[in-house]
Amino acid sequence: MANAKIIEQKAAQVTEVSDKLKESSCAIVADYRGLNVAQVTELRKQLREAGVEFQVLKNTLVRRATAASELSALDEYLSGPTAIAFSKDDIVTPAKILTDFAKKNEQLSVKAGVVEGKVVDFSQIKALAELPSREGLLSMLLSVLQAPVRNFALAVKAVAEKQEGGAQEA
């Protein structure tokens, strides 16, 4: 019979993982089988610098957490060694880091994820990874917003130069 203290600890872990799945804007499930310690350390470092939490978890524990957070569709991807990258703020960055790392290290395979409360497969994670970063999107938006003002300023300048040229000829 299992010890009551151990059962209590596992229940707390399930609650913690369930809360992380609910609170995270993005959680990506990956299979890290075949990565050596140095590679996992490098991956963790890249994710940590981006503000992403990376945890190796037992599949049974994650299945219980997905049931508690109503994300049971994720269960089909929980086989073999499982690690999950949790990001509260950014959706694109963890997808980008994990897919780029998987390109360089074939042992890492991204399985699926949860994006804003919906279970998504690898193809959708890959599509997210191909998006520009948040800063890149903001700079694109800024340039789009600046274009009309810049064009107006150039038009005003051209009219002013034309009027100055006409005044100097007279």
N, C-alpha and C. Protein backbone atom coordinates (compact mmCIF):
# COMPACT_ATOMS: atom_id res chain seq x y z
N MET A 1 0.85 -1.18 0.00
CA MET A 1 0.00 0.00 0.00
C MET A 1 0.90 1.24 0.00
N ALA A 2 0.49 2.20 -0.78
CA ALA A 2 1.27 3.43 -0.90
C ALA A 2 1.18 4.26 0.37
N ASN A 3 2.25 4.92 0.66
CA ASN A 3 2.34 5.78 1.82
C ASN A 3 1.46 7.02 1.59
N ALA A 4 0.74 7.45 2.59
CA ALA A 4 -0.16 8.60 2.48
C ALA A 4 0.62 9.88 2.14
N LYS A 5 1.83 9.98 2.66
CA LYS A 5 2.66 11.16 2.40
C LYS A 5 3.05 11.23 0.92
N ILE A 6 3.39 10.07 0.34
CA ILE A 6 3.76 10.02 -1.08
C ILE A 6 2.55 10.37 -1.95
N ILE A 7 1.40 9.83 -1.62
CA ILE A 7 0.18 10.11 -2.37
C ILE A 7 -0.13 11.61 -2.32
N GLU A 8 0.06 12.19 -1.16
CA GLU A 8 -0.18 13.63 -0.99
C GLU A 8 0.78 14.45 -1.85
N GLN A 9 2.06 14.03 -1.90
CA GLN A 9 3.05 14.73 -2.73
C GLN A 9 2.70 14.64 -4.21
N LYS A 10 2.29 13.45 -4.64
CA LYS A 10 1.93 13.26 -6.04
C LYS A 10 0.69 14.07 -6.40
N ALA A 11 -0.27 14.14 -5.51
CA ALA A 11 -1.48 14.95 -5.75
C ALA A 11 -1.11 16.42 -5.88
N ALA A 12 -0.15 16.86 -5.07
CA ALA A 12 0.31 18.25 -5.17
C ALA A 12 1.01 18.49 -6.50
N GLN A 13 1.79 17.52 -6.96
CA GLN A 13 2.46 17.64 -8.26
C GLN A 13 1.44 17.71 -9.40
N VAL A 14 0.42 16.88 -9.33
CA VAL A 14 -0.64 16.88 -10.35
C VAL A 14 -1.32 18.24 -10.37
N THR A 15 -1.62 18.78 -9.21
CA THR A 15 -2.26 20.10 -9.13
C THR A 15 -1.34 21.18 -9.69
N GLU A 16 -0.06 21.09 -9.39
CA GLU A 16 0.90 22.07 -9.89
C GLU A 16 0.98 22.04 -11.42
N VAL A 17 1.09 20.85 -11.99
CA VAL A 17 1.18 20.72 -13.45
C VAL A 17 -0.13 21.16 -14.10
N SER A 18 -1.24 20.80 -13.50
CA SER A 18 -2.55 21.22 -14.01
C SER A 18 -2.66 22.74 -14.03
N ASP A 19 -2.23 23.37 -12.95
CA ASP A 19 -2.26 24.85 -12.87
C ASP A 19 -1.36 25.46 -13.94
N LYS A 20 -0.18 24.88 -14.14
CA LYS A 20 0.74 25.40 -15.16
C LYS A 20 0.14 25.28 -16.55
N LEU A 21 -0.54 24.16 -16.81
CA LEU A 21 -1.18 23.98 -18.12
C LEU A 21 -2.27 25.02 -18.34
N LYS A 22 -3.01 25.33 -17.28
CA LYS A 22 -4.09 26.32 -17.38
C LYS A 22 -3.55 27.74 -17.52
N GLU A 23 -2.50 28.07 -16.74
CA GLU A 23 -1.97 29.43 -16.69
C GLU A 23 -1.06 29.77 -17.87
N SER A 24 -0.44 28.77 -18.46
CA SER A 24 0.51 29.02 -19.54
C SER A 24 -0.20 29.38 -20.83
N SER A 25 0.36 30.37 -21.52
CA SER A 25 -0.19 30.69 -22.83
C SER A 25 0.26 29.64 -23.83
N CYS A 26 1.39 28.97 -23.51
CA CYS A 26 1.91 27.93 -24.39
C CYS A 26 2.64 26.87 -23.56
N ALA A 27 2.34 25.61 -23.83
CA ALA A 27 3.05 24.49 -23.21
C ALA A 27 3.35 23.49 -24.33
N ILE A 28 4.62 23.19 -24.54
CA ILE A 28 5.01 22.32 -25.65
C ILE A 28 5.59 21.02 -25.11
N VAL A 29 5.07 19.91 -25.61
CA VAL A 29 5.49 18.58 -25.19
C VAL A 29 6.56 18.08 -26.17
N ALA A 30 7.67 17.61 -25.62
CA ALA A 30 8.77 17.12 -26.45
C ALA A 30 9.30 15.80 -25.91
N ASP A 31 9.86 15.01 -26.83
CA ASP A 31 10.53 13.76 -26.47
C ASP A 31 12.03 14.03 -26.55
N TYR A 32 12.72 13.88 -25.44
CA TYR A 32 14.13 14.23 -25.37
C TYR A 32 15.03 12.99 -25.39
N ARG A 33 14.47 11.83 -25.72
CA ARG A 33 15.22 10.56 -25.71
C ARG A 33 16.44 10.66 -26.63
N GLY A 34 17.60 10.35 -26.10
CA GLY A 34 18.83 10.36 -26.89
C GLY A 34 19.69 11.59 -26.69
N LEU A 35 19.16 12.62 -26.05
CA LEU A 35 19.97 13.81 -25.78
C LEU A 35 20.90 13.52 -24.61
N ASN A 36 22.12 13.98 -24.73
CA ASN A 36 23.03 13.80 -23.59
C ASN A 36 22.85 14.97 -22.61
N VAL A 37 23.52 14.89 -21.50
CA VAL A 37 23.37 15.89 -20.44
C VAL A 37 23.75 17.29 -20.93
N ALA A 38 24.82 17.38 -21.69
CA ALA A 38 25.27 18.70 -22.19
C ALA A 38 24.21 19.31 -23.12
N GLN A 39 23.59 18.50 -23.95
CA GLN A 39 22.56 19.01 -24.86
C GLN A 39 21.33 19.47 -24.09
N VAL A 40 20.91 18.68 -23.11
CA VAL A 40 19.74 19.06 -22.31
C VAL A 40 20.04 20.34 -21.53
N THR A 41 21.25 20.46 -21.01
CA THR A 41 21.65 21.65 -20.28
C THR A 41 21.61 22.87 -21.19
N GLU A 42 22.11 22.73 -22.41
CA GLU A 42 22.09 23.84 -23.37
C GLU A 42 20.65 24.24 -23.71
N LEU A 43 19.78 23.24 -23.91
CA LEU A 43 18.37 23.52 -24.21
C LEU A 43 17.71 24.24 -23.03
N ARG A 44 17.94 23.76 -21.83
CA ARG A 44 17.38 24.40 -20.63
C ARG A 44 17.86 25.85 -20.51
N LYS A 45 19.14 26.08 -20.82
CA LYS A 45 19.71 27.42 -20.72
C LYS A 45 19.02 28.35 -21.71
N GLN A 46 18.85 27.91 -22.95
CA GLN A 46 18.19 28.74 -23.95
C GLN A 46 16.75 29.06 -23.55
N LEU A 47 16.05 28.06 -23.04
CA LEU A 47 14.66 28.27 -22.63
C LEU A 47 14.58 29.18 -21.41
N ARG A 48 15.48 28.98 -20.44
CA ARG A 48 15.47 29.80 -19.23
C ARG A 48 15.71 31.27 -19.57
N GLU A 49 16.65 31.53 -20.50
CA GLU A 49 16.94 32.91 -20.90
C GLU A 49 15.73 33.57 -21.55
N ALA A 50 14.86 32.76 -22.14
CA ALA A 50 13.66 33.29 -22.78
C ALA A 50 12.48 33.33 -21.81
N GLY A 51 12.69 32.95 -20.56
CA GLY A 51 11.62 32.98 -19.57
C GLY A 51 10.68 31.79 -19.66
N VAL A 52 11.18 30.67 -20.18
CA VAL A 52 10.37 29.46 -20.35
C VAL A 52 10.84 28.41 -19.37
N GLU A 53 9.90 27.76 -18.69
CA GLU A 53 10.22 26.71 -17.73
C GLU A 53 10.17 25.36 -18.44
N PHE A 54 11.19 24.55 -18.26
CA PHE A 54 11.30 23.25 -18.92
C PHE A 54 11.38 22.16 -17.86
N GLN A 55 10.41 21.23 -17.88
CA GLN A 55 10.36 20.18 -16.86
C GLN A 55 10.23 18.82 -17.50
N VAL A 56 10.95 17.85 -16.95
CA VAL A 56 10.78 16.45 -17.32
C VAL A 56 9.75 15.89 -16.35
N LEU A 57 8.69 15.29 -16.91
CA LEU A 57 7.58 14.82 -16.08
C LEU A 57 7.19 13.40 -16.44
N LYS A 58 6.63 12.69 -15.48
CA LYS A 58 6.11 11.35 -15.73
C LYS A 58 4.79 11.46 -16.49
N ASN A 59 4.61 10.55 -17.44
CA ASN A 59 3.41 10.58 -18.28
C ASN A 59 2.13 10.38 -17.47
N THR A 60 2.16 9.50 -16.48
CA THR A 60 0.96 9.26 -15.69
C THR A 60 0.57 10.52 -14.92
N LEU A 61 1.57 11.21 -14.42
CA LEU A 61 1.31 12.46 -13.69
C LEU A 61 0.71 13.50 -14.64
N VAL A 62 1.25 13.61 -15.85
CA VAL A 62 0.74 14.58 -16.81
C VAL A 62 -0.67 14.20 -17.26
N ARG A 63 -0.94 12.91 -17.43
CA ARG A 63 -2.29 12.47 -17.81
C ARG A 63 -3.32 12.88 -16.76
N ARG A 64 -2.96 12.72 -15.51
CA ARG A 64 -3.88 13.14 -14.44
C ARG A 64 -4.08 14.66 -14.45
N ALA A 65 -2.99 15.38 -14.74
CA ALA A 65 -3.08 16.85 -14.80
C ALA A 65 -3.93 17.29 -15.99
N THR A 66 -3.79 16.60 -17.13
CA THR A 66 -4.60 16.97 -18.30
C THR A 66 -6.08 16.68 -18.06
N ALA A 67 -6.36 15.61 -17.33
CA ALA A 67 -7.75 15.30 -16.99
C ALA A 67 -8.32 16.39 -16.09
N ALA A 68 -7.51 16.85 -15.14
CA ALA A 68 -7.97 17.89 -14.21
C ALA A 68 -8.14 19.24 -14.91
N SER A 69 -7.36 19.49 -15.96
CA SER A 69 -7.44 20.78 -16.65
C SER A 69 -8.21 20.69 -17.96
N GLU A 70 -8.90 19.57 -18.16
CA GLU A 70 -9.75 19.36 -19.34
C GLU A 70 -8.98 19.48 -20.65
N LEU A 71 -7.78 18.90 -20.68
CA LEU A 71 -6.95 18.87 -21.88
C LEU A 71 -6.58 17.42 -22.23
N SER A 72 -7.54 16.51 -22.09
CA SER A 72 -7.29 15.09 -22.30
C SER A 72 -6.83 14.76 -23.72
N ALA A 73 -7.07 15.63 -24.68
CA ALA A 73 -6.63 15.39 -26.05
C ALA A 73 -5.10 15.33 -26.14
N LEU A 74 -4.42 15.87 -25.15
CA LEU A 74 -2.96 15.85 -25.12
C LEU A 74 -2.41 14.46 -24.76
N ASP A 75 -3.26 13.61 -24.16
CA ASP A 75 -2.83 12.30 -23.68
C ASP A 75 -2.25 11.41 -24.78
N GLU A 76 -2.75 11.52 -26.00
CA GLU A 76 -2.26 10.66 -27.08
C GLU A 76 -0.79 10.93 -27.41
N TYR A 77 -0.27 12.09 -27.03
CA TYR A 77 1.13 12.45 -27.30
C TYR A 77 2.06 12.10 -26.14
N LEU A 78 1.51 11.54 -25.07
CA LEU A 78 2.30 11.26 -23.88
C LEU A 78 2.79 9.81 -23.88
N SER A 79 3.86 9.58 -24.62
CA SER A 79 4.49 8.27 -24.62
C SER A 79 6.00 8.49 -24.68
N GLY A 80 6.73 7.61 -24.05
CA GLY A 80 8.18 7.79 -23.99
C GLY A 80 8.56 8.91 -23.04
N PRO A 81 9.85 9.24 -23.00
CA PRO A 81 10.29 10.32 -22.11
C PRO A 81 9.65 11.64 -22.51
N THR A 82 9.05 12.31 -21.57
CA THR A 82 8.32 13.53 -21.87
C THR A 82 8.85 14.70 -21.07
N ALA A 83 9.07 15.79 -21.79
CA ALA A 83 9.45 17.06 -21.16
C ALA A 83 8.48 18.11 -21.68
N ILE A 84 8.12 19.04 -20.83
CA ILE A 84 7.19 20.09 -21.23
C ILE A 84 7.82 21.46 -20.96
N ALA A 85 7.72 22.33 -21.97
CA ALA A 85 8.19 23.71 -21.85
C ALA A 85 6.96 24.58 -21.61
N PHE A 86 6.91 25.25 -20.47
CA PHE A 86 5.79 26.12 -20.10
C PHE A 86 6.19 27.58 -20.29
N SER A 87 5.34 28.34 -20.99
CA SER A 87 5.59 29.77 -21.15
C SER A 87 4.31 30.52 -20.81
N LYS A 88 4.41 31.44 -19.87
CA LYS A 88 3.22 32.20 -19.46
C LYS A 88 2.92 33.36 -20.39
N ASP A 89 3.97 33.98 -20.97
CA ASP A 89 3.77 35.21 -21.71
C ASP A 89 3.82 35.04 -23.22
N ASP A 90 4.82 34.35 -23.70
CA ASP A 90 5.10 34.30 -25.13
C ASP A 90 4.72 32.95 -25.71
N ILE A 91 4.08 32.96 -26.87
CA ILE A 91 3.69 31.73 -27.54
C ILE A 91 4.76 31.31 -28.55
N VAL A 92 5.33 32.27 -29.23
CA VAL A 92 6.24 32.00 -30.34
C VAL A 92 7.62 31.54 -29.87
N THR A 93 8.17 32.18 -28.87
CA THR A 93 9.55 31.91 -28.46
C THR A 93 9.82 30.45 -28.09
N PRO A 94 9.01 29.80 -27.23
CA PRO A 94 9.31 28.40 -26.91
C PRO A 94 9.23 27.50 -28.15
N ALA A 95 8.27 27.76 -29.01
CA ALA A 95 8.14 26.97 -30.24
C ALA A 95 9.37 27.15 -31.11
N LYS A 96 9.83 28.38 -31.21
CA LYS A 96 11.01 28.69 -32.02
C LYS A 96 12.26 28.01 -31.46
N ILE A 97 12.47 28.12 -30.15
CA ILE A 97 13.66 27.54 -29.52
C ILE A 97 13.66 26.02 -29.67
N LEU A 98 12.52 25.38 -29.38
CA LEU A 98 12.47 23.93 -29.44
C LEU A 98 12.60 23.40 -30.87
N THR A 99 11.95 24.02 -31.84
CA THR A 99 12.07 23.52 -33.21
C THR A 99 13.47 23.79 -33.77
N ASP A 100 14.06 24.92 -33.45
CA ASP A 100 15.44 25.19 -33.89
C ASP A 100 16.41 24.19 -33.28
N PHE A 101 16.23 23.90 -31.98
CA PHE A 101 17.09 22.94 -31.30
C PHE A 101 16.90 21.54 -31.90
N ALA A 102 15.66 21.19 -32.25
CA ALA A 102 15.37 19.88 -32.84
C ALA A 102 16.00 19.74 -34.23
N LYS A 103 16.13 20.86 -34.96
CA LYS A 103 16.78 20.82 -36.27
C LYS A 103 18.27 20.48 -36.12
N LYS A 104 18.89 21.03 -35.08
CA LYS A 104 20.32 20.80 -34.85
C LYS A 104 20.58 19.47 -34.15
N ASN A 105 19.63 19.00 -33.35
CA ASN A 105 19.77 17.77 -32.58
C ASN A 105 18.58 16.87 -32.88
N GLU A 106 18.78 15.92 -33.75
CA GLU A 106 17.68 15.08 -34.23
C GLU A 106 17.04 14.23 -33.13
N GLN A 107 17.74 14.06 -32.01
CA GLN A 107 17.18 13.25 -30.93
C GLN A 107 15.96 13.91 -30.29
N LEU A 108 15.90 15.23 -30.31
CA LEU A 108 14.77 15.95 -29.72
C LEU A 108 13.65 15.99 -30.75
N SER A 109 12.47 15.58 -30.33
CA SER A 109 11.32 15.69 -31.23
C SER A 109 10.18 16.39 -30.50
N VAL A 110 9.65 17.41 -31.14
CA VAL A 110 8.51 18.13 -30.60
C VAL A 110 7.27 17.33 -30.99
N LYS A 111 6.44 17.01 -30.00
CA LYS A 111 5.27 16.17 -30.25
C LYS A 111 4.01 17.00 -30.49
N ALA A 112 3.69 17.85 -29.54
CA ALA A 112 2.45 18.61 -29.59
C ALA A 112 2.54 19.71 -28.54
N GLY A 113 1.41 20.35 -28.28
CA GLY A 113 1.41 21.38 -27.26
C GLY A 113 0.02 21.89 -26.95
N VAL A 114 0.00 22.83 -26.03
CA VAL A 114 -1.24 23.52 -25.67
C VAL A 114 -0.98 24.99 -25.89
N VAL A 115 -1.76 25.59 -26.78
CA VAL A 115 -1.62 27.01 -27.08
C VAL A 115 -2.93 27.69 -26.73
N GLU A 116 -2.86 28.57 -25.75
CA GLU A 116 -4.02 29.31 -25.26
C GLU A 116 -5.22 28.41 -24.99
N GLY A 117 -4.95 27.29 -24.30
CA GLY A 117 -6.02 26.40 -23.87
C GLY A 117 -6.47 25.37 -24.90
N LYS A 118 -5.84 25.32 -26.07
CA LYS A 118 -6.23 24.36 -27.10
C LYS A 118 -5.05 23.45 -27.42
N VAL A 119 -5.32 22.16 -27.56
CA VAL A 119 -4.28 21.20 -27.90
C VAL A 119 -3.98 21.32 -29.39
N VAL A 120 -2.69 21.44 -29.72
CA VAL A 120 -2.26 21.57 -31.11
C VAL A 120 -1.19 20.51 -31.40
N ASP A 121 -1.09 20.11 -32.67
CA ASP A 121 -0.10 19.10 -33.04
C ASP A 121 1.19 19.76 -33.50
N PHE A 122 2.15 18.93 -33.93
CA PHE A 122 3.47 19.42 -34.31
C PHE A 122 3.41 20.42 -35.46
N SER A 123 2.54 20.18 -36.44
CA SER A 123 2.50 21.09 -37.59
C SER A 123 2.11 22.51 -37.17
N GLN A 124 1.23 22.63 -36.20
CA GLN A 124 0.83 23.96 -35.71
C GLN A 124 1.94 24.59 -34.87
N ILE A 125 2.67 23.77 -34.13
CA ILE A 125 3.82 24.28 -33.36
C ILE A 125 4.87 24.79 -34.34
N LYS A 126 5.11 24.03 -35.41
CA LYS A 126 6.10 24.43 -36.42
C LYS A 126 5.68 25.74 -37.09
N ALA A 127 4.39 25.89 -37.37
CA ALA A 127 3.89 27.13 -37.97
C ALA A 127 4.11 28.31 -37.02
N LEU A 128 3.91 28.08 -35.73
CA LEU A 128 4.17 29.13 -34.73
C LEU A 128 5.64 29.52 -34.73
N ALA A 129 6.51 28.52 -34.85
CA ALA A 129 7.95 28.77 -34.80
C ALA A 129 8.41 29.60 -35.99
N GLU A 130 7.68 29.54 -37.09
CA GLU A 130 8.07 30.29 -38.28
C GLU A 130 7.61 31.74 -38.24
N LEU A 131 6.76 32.08 -37.28
CA LEU A 131 6.33 33.47 -37.12
C LEU A 131 7.48 34.32 -36.59
N PRO A 132 7.48 35.60 -36.92
CA PRO A 132 8.49 36.48 -36.31
C PRO A 132 8.26 36.59 -34.80
N SER A 133 9.29 36.99 -34.09
CA SER A 133 9.16 37.15 -32.64
C SER A 133 8.21 38.30 -32.33
N ARG A 134 7.85 38.43 -31.08
CA ARG A 134 6.94 39.50 -30.65
C ARG A 134 7.53 40.86 -31.00
N GLU A 135 8.83 41.01 -30.76
CA GLU A 135 9.49 42.28 -31.07
C GLU A 135 9.46 42.55 -32.57
N GLY A 136 9.66 41.50 -33.36
CA GLY A 136 9.62 41.64 -34.82
C GLY A 136 8.24 42.06 -35.30
N LEU A 137 7.21 41.44 -34.73
CA LEU A 137 5.84 41.80 -35.10
C LEU A 137 5.53 43.25 -34.70
N LEU A 138 6.00 43.66 -33.52
CA LEU A 138 5.77 45.03 -33.08
C LEU A 138 6.48 46.03 -33.98
N SER A 139 7.69 45.71 -34.42
CA SER A 139 8.40 46.63 -35.31
C SER A 139 7.71 46.71 -36.66
N MET A 140 7.16 45.58 -37.14
CA MET A 140 6.40 45.61 -38.40
C MET A 140 5.17 46.50 -38.26
N LEU A 141 4.47 46.35 -37.14
CA LEU A 141 3.29 47.17 -36.89
C LEU A 141 3.66 48.64 -36.82
N LEU A 142 4.75 48.95 -36.15
CA LEU A 142 5.20 50.33 -36.02
C LEU A 142 5.52 50.93 -37.39
N SER A 143 6.19 50.17 -38.24
CA SER A 143 6.52 50.70 -39.56
C SER A 143 5.27 50.92 -40.40
N VAL A 144 4.27 50.05 -40.24
CA VAL A 144 3.00 50.23 -40.96
C VAL A 144 2.29 51.48 -40.46
N LEU A 145 2.34 51.72 -39.17
CA LEU A 145 1.68 52.90 -38.61
C LEU A 145 2.42 54.19 -38.98
N GLN A 146 3.73 54.12 -39.13
CA GLN A 146 4.52 55.30 -39.45
C GLN A 146 4.43 55.69 -40.92
N ALA A 147 4.14 54.73 -41.80
CA ALA A 147 4.16 54.97 -43.24
C ALA A 147 3.25 56.13 -43.67
N PRO A 148 1.99 56.20 -43.24
CA PRO A 148 1.14 57.32 -43.67
C PRO A 148 1.68 58.68 -43.20
N VAL A 149 2.18 58.74 -41.99
CA VAL A 149 2.71 60.00 -41.46
C VAL A 149 3.94 60.41 -42.26
N ARG A 150 4.82 59.45 -42.55
CA ARG A 150 6.03 59.73 -43.32
C ARG A 150 5.67 60.21 -44.73
N ASN A 151 4.70 59.54 -45.36
CA ASN A 151 4.28 59.94 -46.71
C ASN A 151 3.67 61.34 -46.71
N PHE A 152 2.88 61.65 -45.68
CA PHE A 152 2.29 62.98 -45.57
C PHE A 152 3.38 64.03 -45.41
N ALA A 153 4.36 63.74 -44.58
CA ALA A 153 5.46 64.69 -44.36
C ALA A 153 6.24 64.91 -45.64
N LEU A 154 6.48 63.86 -46.41
CA LEU A 154 7.18 64.01 -47.68
C LEU A 154 6.37 64.84 -48.67
N ALA A 155 5.05 64.65 -48.69
CA ALA A 155 4.18 65.42 -49.58
C ALA A 155 4.19 66.90 -49.19
N VAL A 156 4.12 67.19 -47.91
CA VAL A 156 4.16 68.58 -47.44
C VAL A 156 5.50 69.21 -47.80
N LYS A 157 6.57 68.48 -47.62
CA LYS A 157 7.91 68.98 -47.95
C LYS A 157 8.01 69.26 -49.45
N ALA A 158 7.47 68.38 -50.28
CA ALA A 158 7.51 68.58 -51.74
C ALA A 158 6.72 69.82 -52.14
N VAL A 159 5.56 70.02 -51.53
CA VAL A 159 4.74 71.21 -51.84
C VAL A 159 5.49 72.47 -51.40
N ALA A 160 6.10 72.43 -50.23
CA ALA A 160 6.85 73.59 -49.73
C ALA A 160 8.02 73.90 -50.65
N GLU A 161 8.75 72.88 -51.10
CA GLU A 161 9.88 73.10 -52.01
C GLU A 161 9.40 73.66 -53.35
N LYS A 162 8.26 73.19 -53.82
CA LYS A 162 7.71 73.66 -55.09
C LYS A 162 7.33 75.14 -54.97
N GLN A 163 6.71 75.49 -53.85
CA GLN A 163 6.31 76.88 -53.65
C GLN A 163 7.55 77.78 -53.50
N GLU A 164 8.59 77.30 -52.84
CA GLU A 164 9.83 78.08 -52.70
C GLU A 164 10.47 78.28 -54.07
N GLY A 165 10.46 77.21 -54.89
CA GLY A 165 11.03 77.31 -56.22
C GLY A 165 10.27 78.28 -57.09
N GLY A 166 8.95 78.32 -56.96
CA GLY A 166 8.13 79.26 -57.72
C GLY A 166 8.33 80.69 -57.25
N ALA A 167 8.55 80.90 -55.96
CA ALA A 167 8.75 82.23 -55.41
C ALA A 167 10.12 82.78 -55.83
N GLN A 168 11.12 81.90 -55.95
CA GLN A 168 12.46 82.36 -56.35
C GLN A 168 12.49 82.72 -57.83
N GLU A 169 11.70 82.08 -58.67
CA GLU A 169 11.65 82.39 -60.10
C GLU A 169 10.99 83.73 -60.36
N ALA A 170 10.05 84.13 -59.52
CA ALA A 170 9.32 85.36 -59.75
C ALA A 170 10.05 86.59 -59.30
